[in-house]
C-alpha atoms as a PDB file:
ATOM      1  CA  UNK A   1      -9.330 -33.524 -25.217  1.00  0.00           C
ATOM      2  CA  UNK A   2      -9.449 -30.027 -24.027  1.00  0.00           C
ATOM      3  CA  UNK A   3      -6.566 -30.484 -21.624  1.00  0.00           C
ATOM      4  CA  UNK A   4      -4.338 -31.502 -24.586  1.00  0.00           C
ATOM      5  CA  UNK A   5      -5.330 -28.736 -26.594  1.00  0.00           C
ATOM      6  CA  UNK A   6      -4.596 -26.181 -23.917  1.00  0.00           C
ATOM      7  CA  UNK A   7      -1.313 -27.548 -23.204  1.00  0.00           C
ATOM      8  CA  UNK A   8      -0.395 -27.374 -26.880  1.00  0.00           C
ATOM      9  CA  UNK A   9      -1.444 -23.629 -27.164  1.00  0.00           C
ATOM     10  CA  UNK A  10       0.696 -22.928 -23.831  1.00  0.00           C
ATOM     11  CA  UNK A  11       3.569 -24.800 -25.305  1.00  0.00           C
ATOM     12  CA  UNK A  12       3.484 -22.728 -28.566  1.00  0.00           C
ATOM     13  CA  UNK A  13       3.208 -19.639 -26.407  1.00  0.00           C
ATOM     14  CA  UNK A  14       6.343 -20.676 -24.407  1.00  0.00           C
ATOM     15  CA  UNK A  15       8.382 -21.560 -27.456  1.00  0.00           C
ATOM     16  CA  UNK A  16       7.529 -18.378 -29.307  1.00  0.00           C
ATOM     17  CA  UNK A  17      10.210 -16.486 -27.635  1.00  0.00           C
ATOM     18  CA  UNK A  18      12.835 -14.198 -29.411  1.00  0.00           C
ATOM     19  CA  UNK A  19      15.723 -15.276 -27.199  1.00  0.00           C
ATOM     20  CA  UNK A  20      16.310 -18.795 -25.878  1.00  0.00           C
ATOM     21  CA  UNK A  21      15.820 -18.870 -21.914  1.00  0.00           C
ATOM     22  CA  UNK A  22      19.639 -19.889 -21.349  1.00  0.00           C
ATOM     23  CA  UNK A  23      20.714 -16.986 -23.574  1.00  0.00           C
ATOM     24  CA  UNK A  24      18.554 -14.735 -21.592  1.00  0.00           C
ATOM     25  CA  UNK A  25      19.933 -15.883 -18.320  1.00  0.00           C
ATOM     26  CA  UNK A  26      23.599 -15.322 -19.627  1.00  0.00           C
ATOM     27  CA  UNK A  27      22.724 -11.836 -20.754  1.00  0.00           C
ATOM     28  CA  UNK A  28      21.525 -10.831 -17.349  1.00  0.00           C
ATOM     29  CA  UNK A  29      24.144 -12.367 -15.430  1.00  0.00           C
ATOM     30  CA  UNK A  30      26.625 -10.775 -17.777  1.00  0.00           C
ATOM     31  CA  UNK A  31      24.661  -7.311 -17.236  1.00  0.00           C
ATOM     32  CA  UNK A  32      24.559  -7.556 -13.604  1.00  0.00           C
ATOM     33  CA  UNK A  33      28.569  -8.024 -13.701  1.00  0.00           C
ATOM     34  CA  UNK A  34      29.078  -4.956 -16.326  1.00  0.00           C
ATOM     35  CA  UNK A  35      27.073  -2.856 -14.080  1.00  0.00           C
ATOM     36  CA  UNK A  36      28.518  -3.688 -10.919  1.00  0.00           C
ATOM     37  CA  UNK A  37      25.512  -5.482  -9.316  1.00  0.00           C
ATOM     38  CA  UNK A  38      23.200  -3.069 -11.308  1.00  0.00           C
ATOM     39  CA  UNK A  39      22.199  -0.930  -8.287  1.00  0.00           C
ATOM     40  CA  UNK A  40      19.544   0.794 -10.509  1.00  0.00           C
ATOM     41  CA  UNK A  41      17.514  -2.357 -10.690  1.00  0.00           C
ATOM     42  CA  UNK A  42      17.088  -2.959  -7.111  1.00  0.00           C
ATOM     43  CA  UNK A  43      13.712  -2.423  -5.699  1.00  0.00           C
ATOM     44  CA  UNK A  44      13.119   0.476  -3.773  1.00  0.00           C
ATOM     45  CA  UNK A  45      11.532  -1.100  -0.660  1.00  0.00           C
ATOM     46  CA  UNK A  46      14.958  -2.575   0.323  1.00  0.00           C
ATOM     47  CA  UNK A  47      16.131   0.909   1.006  1.00  0.00           C
ATOM     48  CA  UNK A  48      13.232   1.774   3.480  1.00  0.00           C
ATOM     49  CA  UNK A  49      13.166   1.709   7.079  1.00  0.00           C
ATOM     50  CA  UNK A  50      11.229  -1.198   8.674  1.00  0.00           C
ATOM     51  CA  UNK A  51       8.278   1.129   9.800  1.00  0.00           C
ATOM     52  CA  UNK A  52       8.070   2.658   6.438  1.00  0.00           C
ATOM     53  CA  UNK A  53       8.100  -0.678   4.620  1.00  0.00           C
ATOM     54  CA  UNK A  54       5.255  -1.867   6.954  1.00  0.00           C
ATOM     55  CA  UNK A  55       3.571   1.282   6.371  1.00  0.00           C
ATOM     56  CA  UNK A  56       3.497   1.947  10.292  1.00  0.00           C
ATOM     57  CA  UNK A  57       4.085   5.633   9.522  1.00  0.00           C
ATOM     58  CA  UNK A  58       1.037   5.880   7.386  1.00  0.00           C
ATOM     59  CA  UNK A  59      -1.059   3.980   9.899  1.00  0.00           C
ATOM     60  CA  UNK A  60      -0.195   6.075  12.863  1.00  0.00           C
ATOM     61  CA  UNK A  61      -0.772   9.197  10.984  1.00  0.00           C
ATOM     62  CA  UNK A  62      -4.168   8.066   9.867  1.00  0.00           C
ATOM     63  CA  UNK A  63      -4.777   7.043  13.551  1.00  0.00           C
ATOM     64  CA  UNK A  64      -4.076  10.102  15.008  1.00  0.00           C
ATOM     65  CA  UNK A  65      -6.005  12.263  12.684  1.00  0.00           C
ATOM     66  CA  UNK A  66      -8.964  10.256  13.360  1.00  0.00           C
ATOM     67  CA  UNK A  67      -8.544  10.099  16.812  1.00  0.00           C
ATOM     68  CA  UNK A  68      -8.021  13.823  16.749  1.00  0.00           C
ATOM     69  CA  UNK A  69     -11.226  14.363  14.864  1.00  0.00           C
ATOM     70  CA  UNK A  70     -13.205  12.046  17.354  1.00  0.00           C
ATOM     71  CA  UNK A  71     -11.971  14.276  20.105  1.00  0.00           C
ATOM     72  CA  UNK A  72     -12.849  17.490  18.468  1.00  0.00           C
ATOM     73  CA  UNK A  73     -16.362  16.473  17.422  1.00  0.00           C
ATOM     74  CA  UNK A  74     -16.955  14.936  20.960  1.00  0.00           C
ATOM     75  CA  UNK A  75     -16.132  18.528  22.367  1.00  0.00           C
ATOM     76  CA  UNK A  76     -18.352  20.279  20.106  1.00  0.00           C
ATOM     77  CA  UNK A  77     -21.053  18.050  20.502  1.00  0.00           C
ATOM     78  CA  UNK A  78     -20.601  18.331  24.376  1.00  0.00           C
ATOM     79  CA  UNK A  79     -20.515  22.173  24.135  1.00  0.00           C
ATOM     80  CA  UNK A  80     -23.870  22.150  21.951  1.00  0.00           C
ATOM     81  CA  UNK A  81     -25.612  19.910  24.148  1.00  0.00           C
ATOM     82  CA  UNK A  82     -24.534  21.624  27.332  1.00  0.00           C
ATOM     83  CA  UNK A  83     -25.747  24.867  25.783  1.00  0.00           C
ATOM     84  CA  UNK A  84     -28.843  23.612  24.727  1.00  0.00           C
ATOM     85  CA  UNK A  85     -29.536  22.013  28.020  1.00  0.00           C
ATOM     86  CA  UNK A  86     -28.642  25.161  29.875  1.00  0.00           C
ATOM     87  CA  UNK A  87     -31.054  27.223  27.644  1.00  0.00           C
ATOM     88  CA  UNK A  88     -33.895  24.711  28.520  1.00  0.00           C
ATOM     89  CA  UNK A  89     -33.346  24.815  32.198  1.00  0.00           C
ATOM     90  CA  UNK A  90     -33.443  28.548  31.988  1.00  0.00           C
ATOM     91  CA  UNK A  91     -36.750  28.403  30.214  1.00  0.00           C
ATOM     92  CA  UNK A  92     -38.258  26.159  32.942  1.00  0.00           C
ATOM     93  CA  UNK A  93     -37.113  28.398  35.724  1.00  0.00           C
ATOM     94  CA  UNK A  94     -38.847  31.358  34.072  1.00  0.00           C
END
């Protein structure tokens, strides 16, 4: 019984349209013909290069920044530990 009620609700929603589907299809076909292919309705992704479409340029940028930060942190930590190691060795000798 629930299926029947849901089917009726969906049917009412689908039939409550200001324009019939065939008229809508005719309108859009004529619209595209009038505007010579309607380039203003094209998806912007069609004009992107493949590496931009796959976001590879962003991925490489994030990877480059991440690796650079890791290397910089590694160098800083290494210098701090080397400096502290030298200080402890000087203290042991004295």
